[in-house]
Amino acid sequence: MRNTTQLIVSRADTVPPPASNTESTWSLPGGIIGFVAWLLALAVPFLIYGSNTLFFFLYTWPFFLALMPVAIVVGIAVHSLLHGRLWLSCPLTCLVVMVMFGCLFMWLLG
């Protein structure tokens, strides 16, 4: 026979759920903001250079496609750092992503 004690669990010993959940998740709105900012940044060269941008993107599309997950992570990070303030995180995310696109675009142009 084992030398153990009987454990009795009653409902009074259970941990009550927290009264208010103060922790929020910012990943979904931040990711959506990052993806929309990536799409907007992708459209800026078309607005500046017109349809000739398609020939430029023909050989450089992997670089710009690689910026999509980076833009989504930037959107999540900015949205979480601003504590879910949508009106502040949208323009700031767009600005950061467009600067990344501009740097890559200028680097590829030479």
N, C-alpha and C. Protein backbone atom coordinates (compact mmCIF):
# COMPACT_ATOMS: atom_id res chain seq x y z
N MET A 1 0.84 -1.17 0.00
CA MET A 1 0.00 0.00 0.00
C MET A 1 0.89 1.24 0.00
N ARG A 2 0.48 2.25 -0.77
CA ARG A 2 1.26 3.48 -0.86
C ARG A 2 1.05 4.35 0.36
N ASN A 3 2.09 5.10 0.70
CA ASN A 3 2.01 6.01 1.82
C ASN A 3 1.67 7.40 1.30
N THR A 4 0.42 7.62 0.94
CA THR A 4 -0.03 8.91 0.41
C THR A 4 -1.23 9.39 1.19
N THR A 5 -1.50 10.65 1.04
CA THR A 5 -2.68 11.21 1.70
C THR A 5 -3.76 11.47 0.67
N GLN A 6 -4.96 11.42 1.09
CA GLN A 6 -6.10 11.65 0.22
C GLN A 6 -6.28 13.16 0.03
N LEU A 7 -6.32 13.61 -1.21
CA LEU A 7 -6.55 15.01 -1.49
C LEU A 7 -8.01 15.21 -1.85
N ILE A 8 -8.62 16.14 -1.16
CA ILE A 8 -10.01 16.45 -1.42
C ILE A 8 -10.07 17.86 -2.01
N VAL A 9 -10.65 17.97 -3.19
CA VAL A 9 -10.77 19.26 -3.86
C VAL A 9 -12.22 19.70 -3.74
N SER A 10 -12.39 20.83 -3.13
CA SER A 10 -13.74 21.37 -3.02
C SER A 10 -13.86 22.60 -3.91
N ARG A 11 -15.07 23.06 -4.12
CA ARG A 11 -15.29 24.22 -4.97
C ARG A 11 -14.75 25.51 -4.33
N ALA A 12 -14.61 25.54 -3.03
CA ALA A 12 -14.10 26.72 -2.35
C ALA A 12 -12.60 26.90 -2.61
N ASP A 13 -11.90 25.82 -2.96
CA ASP A 13 -10.47 25.90 -3.19
C ASP A 13 -10.11 26.34 -4.60
N THR A 14 -11.06 26.38 -5.49
CA THR A 14 -10.74 26.75 -6.87
C THR A 14 -10.51 28.25 -6.97
N VAL A 15 -9.72 28.62 -7.93
CA VAL A 15 -9.36 30.02 -8.13
C VAL A 15 -10.50 30.70 -8.90
N PRO A 16 -11.02 31.82 -8.38
CA PRO A 16 -12.08 32.50 -9.11
C PRO A 16 -11.53 33.18 -10.36
N PRO A 17 -12.36 33.33 -11.39
CA PRO A 17 -11.88 34.02 -12.59
C PRO A 17 -11.65 35.49 -12.29
N PRO A 18 -10.74 36.12 -13.03
CA PRO A 18 -10.47 37.54 -12.77
C PRO A 18 -11.69 38.39 -13.07
N ALA A 19 -11.82 39.47 -12.30
CA ALA A 19 -13.00 40.33 -12.44
C ALA A 19 -13.00 41.06 -13.77
N SER A 20 -11.85 41.57 -14.17
CA SER A 20 -11.78 42.26 -15.46
C SER A 20 -10.50 41.85 -16.16
N ASN A 21 -10.62 41.59 -17.40
CA ASN A 21 -9.46 41.22 -18.20
C ASN A 21 -8.88 42.50 -18.79
N THR A 22 -7.76 42.95 -18.23
CA THR A 22 -7.17 44.21 -18.67
C THR A 22 -6.21 44.01 -19.84
N GLU A 23 -5.87 42.78 -20.14
CA GLU A 23 -4.95 42.52 -21.23
C GLU A 23 -5.73 42.40 -22.54
N SER A 24 -5.31 43.17 -23.53
CA SER A 24 -5.97 43.14 -24.83
C SER A 24 -5.02 42.55 -25.86
N THR A 25 -5.59 42.10 -26.96
CA THR A 25 -4.77 41.61 -28.05
C THR A 25 -4.80 42.64 -29.17
N TRP A 26 -3.62 42.90 -29.71
CA TRP A 26 -3.50 43.90 -30.77
C TRP A 26 -3.04 43.28 -32.07
N SER A 27 -2.95 41.97 -32.14
CA SER A 27 -2.35 41.37 -33.32
C SER A 27 -3.24 41.47 -34.55
N LEU A 28 -4.53 41.25 -34.42
CA LEU A 28 -5.38 41.28 -35.61
C LEU A 28 -5.53 42.68 -36.19
N PRO A 29 -5.92 43.70 -35.43
CA PRO A 29 -6.00 45.02 -36.05
C PRO A 29 -4.64 45.55 -36.51
N GLY A 30 -3.59 45.25 -35.77
CA GLY A 30 -2.26 45.68 -36.18
C GLY A 30 -1.81 44.99 -37.45
N GLY A 31 -2.11 43.71 -37.59
CA GLY A 31 -1.77 42.99 -38.80
C GLY A 31 -2.54 43.49 -40.01
N ILE A 32 -3.80 43.80 -39.80
CA ILE A 32 -4.61 44.35 -40.91
C ILE A 32 -4.08 45.72 -41.31
N ILE A 33 -3.74 46.54 -40.34
CA ILE A 33 -3.18 47.86 -40.64
C ILE A 33 -1.86 47.72 -41.40
N GLY A 34 -1.01 46.77 -40.98
CA GLY A 34 0.26 46.55 -41.66
C GLY A 34 0.07 46.08 -43.10
N PHE A 35 -0.90 45.19 -43.32
CA PHE A 35 -1.15 44.70 -44.68
C PHE A 35 -1.71 45.80 -45.58
N VAL A 36 -2.62 46.60 -45.05
CA VAL A 36 -3.18 47.70 -45.84
C VAL A 36 -2.09 48.74 -46.13
N ALA A 37 -1.21 48.98 -45.17
CA ALA A 37 -0.11 49.91 -45.40
C ALA A 37 0.84 49.37 -46.46
N TRP A 38 1.04 48.05 -46.50
CA TRP A 38 1.88 47.45 -47.53
C TRP A 38 1.24 47.62 -48.90
N LEU A 39 -0.07 47.42 -48.99
CA LEU A 39 -0.76 47.62 -50.27
C LEU A 39 -0.69 49.07 -50.72
N LEU A 40 -0.86 50.00 -49.79
CA LEU A 40 -0.77 51.41 -50.15
C LEU A 40 0.65 51.78 -50.60
N ALA A 41 1.65 51.24 -49.90
CA ALA A 41 3.03 51.52 -50.29
C ALA A 41 3.37 50.89 -51.63
N LEU A 42 2.73 49.78 -51.95
CA LEU A 42 2.93 49.15 -53.26
C LEU A 42 2.32 49.99 -54.37
N ALA A 43 1.28 50.75 -54.05
CA ALA A 43 0.60 51.57 -55.06
C ALA A 43 1.31 52.89 -55.32
N VAL A 44 2.14 53.35 -54.41
CA VAL A 44 2.80 54.65 -54.56
C VAL A 44 3.71 54.70 -55.80
N PRO A 45 4.55 53.68 -56.08
CA PRO A 45 5.35 53.75 -57.31
C PRO A 45 4.50 53.81 -58.58
N PHE A 46 3.33 53.17 -58.56
CA PHE A 46 2.45 53.25 -59.72
C PHE A 46 1.91 54.67 -59.90
N LEU A 47 1.66 55.35 -58.80
CA LEU A 47 1.19 56.73 -58.89
C LEU A 47 2.29 57.67 -59.38
N ILE A 48 3.54 57.38 -59.01
CA ILE A 48 4.64 58.26 -59.39
C ILE A 48 5.12 57.97 -60.81
N TYR A 49 5.37 56.69 -61.12
CA TYR A 49 6.00 56.34 -62.40
C TYR A 49 5.03 55.79 -63.43
N GLY A 50 3.82 55.52 -63.06
CA GLY A 50 2.83 55.02 -64.02
C GLY A 50 2.99 53.54 -64.30
N SER A 51 2.57 53.13 -65.48
CA SER A 51 2.56 51.71 -65.81
C SER A 51 3.96 51.14 -66.07
N ASN A 52 4.97 51.97 -66.21
CA ASN A 52 6.34 51.47 -66.37
C ASN A 52 6.84 50.76 -65.12
N THR A 53 6.16 50.95 -64.03
CA THR A 53 6.55 50.29 -62.78
C THR A 53 6.41 48.78 -62.90
N LEU A 54 5.51 48.31 -63.74
CA LEU A 54 5.34 46.87 -63.91
C LEU A 54 6.62 46.21 -64.44
N PHE A 55 7.33 46.88 -65.34
CA PHE A 55 8.59 46.32 -65.83
C PHE A 55 9.65 46.28 -64.75
N PHE A 56 9.65 47.26 -63.87
CA PHE A 56 10.58 47.27 -62.74
C PHE A 56 10.24 46.16 -61.76
N PHE A 57 8.95 45.96 -61.50
CA PHE A 57 8.52 44.92 -60.57
C PHE A 57 8.68 43.51 -61.14
N LEU A 58 8.87 43.41 -62.46
CA LEU A 58 9.00 42.10 -63.08
C LEU A 58 10.18 41.32 -62.51
N TYR A 59 11.28 42.01 -62.23
CA TYR A 59 12.47 41.35 -61.71
C TYR A 59 12.70 41.58 -60.22
N THR A 60 12.03 42.53 -59.64
CA THR A 60 12.29 42.86 -58.24
C THR A 60 11.14 42.50 -57.31
N TRP A 61 10.14 41.77 -57.80
CA TRP A 61 8.97 41.49 -56.96
C TRP A 61 9.30 40.69 -55.70
N PRO A 62 10.33 39.81 -55.67
CA PRO A 62 10.60 39.10 -54.41
C PRO A 62 11.01 40.03 -53.27
N PHE A 63 11.70 41.12 -53.61
CA PHE A 63 12.11 42.05 -52.56
C PHE A 63 10.89 42.72 -51.92
N PHE A 64 9.96 43.13 -52.77
CA PHE A 64 8.78 43.81 -52.25
C PHE A 64 7.82 42.84 -51.57
N LEU A 65 7.79 41.61 -52.06
CA LEU A 65 6.97 40.60 -51.40
C LEU A 65 7.54 40.25 -50.03
N ALA A 66 8.86 40.29 -49.90
CA ALA A 66 9.49 40.01 -48.61
C ALA A 66 9.19 41.09 -47.58
N LEU A 67 8.82 42.27 -48.03
CA LEU A 67 8.46 43.33 -47.09
C LEU A 67 7.06 43.17 -46.51
N MET A 68 6.24 42.28 -47.07
CA MET A 68 4.88 42.12 -46.56
C MET A 68 4.86 41.61 -45.12
N PRO A 69 5.55 40.51 -44.77
CA PRO A 69 5.52 40.11 -43.35
C PRO A 69 6.17 41.13 -42.44
N VAL A 70 7.17 41.85 -42.95
CA VAL A 70 7.81 42.89 -42.13
C VAL A 70 6.80 44.01 -41.86
N ALA A 71 6.01 44.37 -42.88
CA ALA A 71 5.00 45.42 -42.69
C ALA A 71 3.92 44.97 -41.71
N ILE A 72 3.56 43.70 -41.75
CA ILE A 72 2.55 43.20 -40.82
C ILE A 72 3.09 43.22 -39.39
N VAL A 73 4.34 42.82 -39.21
CA VAL A 73 4.94 42.86 -37.87
C VAL A 73 5.09 44.30 -37.39
N VAL A 74 5.43 45.21 -38.29
CA VAL A 74 5.52 46.62 -37.91
C VAL A 74 4.14 47.14 -37.49
N GLY A 75 3.10 46.75 -38.22
CA GLY A 75 1.75 47.15 -37.84
C GLY A 75 1.35 46.64 -36.47
N ILE A 76 1.68 45.39 -36.19
CA ILE A 76 1.37 44.83 -34.87
C ILE A 76 2.16 45.54 -33.78
N ALA A 77 3.44 45.78 -34.03
CA ALA A 77 4.29 46.43 -33.03
C ALA A 77 3.85 47.86 -32.75
N VAL A 78 3.57 48.61 -33.80
CA VAL A 78 3.15 50.01 -33.60
C VAL A 78 1.80 50.06 -32.89
N HIS A 79 0.89 49.18 -33.30
CA HIS A 79 -0.43 49.19 -32.68
C HIS A 79 -0.37 48.79 -31.21
N SER A 80 0.54 47.86 -30.89
CA SER A 80 0.66 47.47 -29.48
C SER A 80 1.41 48.51 -28.66
N LEU A 81 2.40 49.17 -29.27
CA LEU A 81 3.12 50.21 -28.53
C LEU A 81 2.25 51.44 -28.25
N LEU A 82 1.29 51.68 -29.11
CA LEU A 82 0.38 52.80 -28.90
C LEU A 82 -0.88 52.39 -28.14
N HIS A 83 -0.86 51.19 -27.55
CA HIS A 83 -1.95 50.68 -26.69
C HIS A 83 -3.29 50.65 -27.41
N GLY A 84 -3.27 50.25 -28.67
CA GLY A 84 -4.51 50.06 -29.41
C GLY A 84 -5.17 51.32 -29.91
N ARG A 85 -4.48 52.43 -29.92
CA ARG A 85 -5.06 53.68 -30.44
C ARG A 85 -5.02 53.62 -31.97
N LEU A 86 -6.19 53.36 -32.55
CA LEU A 86 -6.27 53.11 -33.98
C LEU A 86 -5.94 54.34 -34.79
N TRP A 87 -6.38 55.51 -34.35
CA TRP A 87 -6.18 56.74 -35.12
C TRP A 87 -4.72 57.18 -35.13
N LEU A 88 -3.94 56.75 -34.18
CA LEU A 88 -2.52 57.07 -34.18
C LEU A 88 -1.69 56.00 -34.88
N SER A 89 -2.10 54.74 -34.74
CA SER A 89 -1.30 53.66 -35.30
C SER A 89 -1.45 53.54 -36.81
N CYS A 90 -2.58 53.93 -37.37
CA CYS A 90 -2.75 53.85 -38.84
C CYS A 90 -1.78 54.75 -39.59
N PRO A 91 -1.74 56.06 -39.30
CA PRO A 91 -0.79 56.88 -40.07
C PRO A 91 0.67 56.57 -39.77
N LEU A 92 0.97 56.21 -38.52
CA LEU A 92 2.36 55.91 -38.18
C LEU A 92 2.83 54.64 -38.86
N THR A 93 1.97 53.62 -38.92
CA THR A 93 2.33 52.39 -39.62
C THR A 93 2.50 52.64 -41.11
N CYS A 94 1.59 53.42 -41.69
CA CYS A 94 1.71 53.74 -43.12
C CYS A 94 3.00 54.50 -43.40
N LEU A 95 3.36 55.41 -42.53
CA LEU A 95 4.59 56.17 -42.71
C LEU A 95 5.82 55.27 -42.64
N VAL A 96 5.87 54.39 -41.65
CA VAL A 96 7.02 53.51 -41.49
C VAL A 96 7.14 52.55 -42.67
N VAL A 97 6.02 51.99 -43.10
CA VAL A 97 6.05 51.03 -44.22
C VAL A 97 6.43 51.74 -45.51
N MET A 98 5.93 52.95 -45.72
CA MET A 98 6.28 53.68 -46.94
C MET A 98 7.76 54.09 -46.95
N VAL A 99 8.31 54.38 -45.79
CA VAL A 99 9.74 54.68 -45.72
C VAL A 99 10.55 53.42 -46.04
N MET A 100 10.11 52.26 -45.55
CA MET A 100 10.79 51.01 -45.89
C MET A 100 10.73 50.75 -47.40
N PHE A 101 9.56 50.95 -47.99
CA PHE A 101 9.42 50.77 -49.43
C PHE A 101 10.29 51.76 -50.18
N GLY A 102 10.32 53.00 -49.73
CA GLY A 102 11.14 54.00 -50.40
C GLY A 102 12.61 53.67 -50.34
N CYS A 103 13.07 53.20 -49.19
CA CYS A 103 14.48 52.82 -49.07
C CYS A 103 14.81 51.64 -49.99
N LEU A 104 13.95 50.65 -50.03
CA LEU A 104 14.17 49.51 -50.92
C LEU A 104 14.12 49.93 -52.38
N PHE A 105 13.17 50.78 -52.72
CA PHE A 105 13.01 51.23 -54.09
C PHE A 105 14.25 52.02 -54.53
N MET A 106 14.73 52.90 -53.70
CA MET A 106 15.92 53.69 -54.04
C MET A 106 17.18 52.83 -54.10
N TRP A 107 17.26 51.83 -53.22
CA TRP A 107 18.40 50.92 -53.24
C TRP A 107 18.42 50.10 -54.53
N LEU A 108 17.24 49.65 -54.98
CA LEU A 108 17.19 48.86 -56.20
C LEU A 108 17.41 49.72 -57.45
N LEU A 109 17.03 50.98 -57.37
CA LEU A 109 17.26 51.85 -58.53
C LEU A 109 18.74 52.20 -58.69
N GLY A 110 19.48 52.14 -57.62
CA GLY A 110 20.92 52.37 -57.71
C GLY A 110 21.34 53.66 -57.27
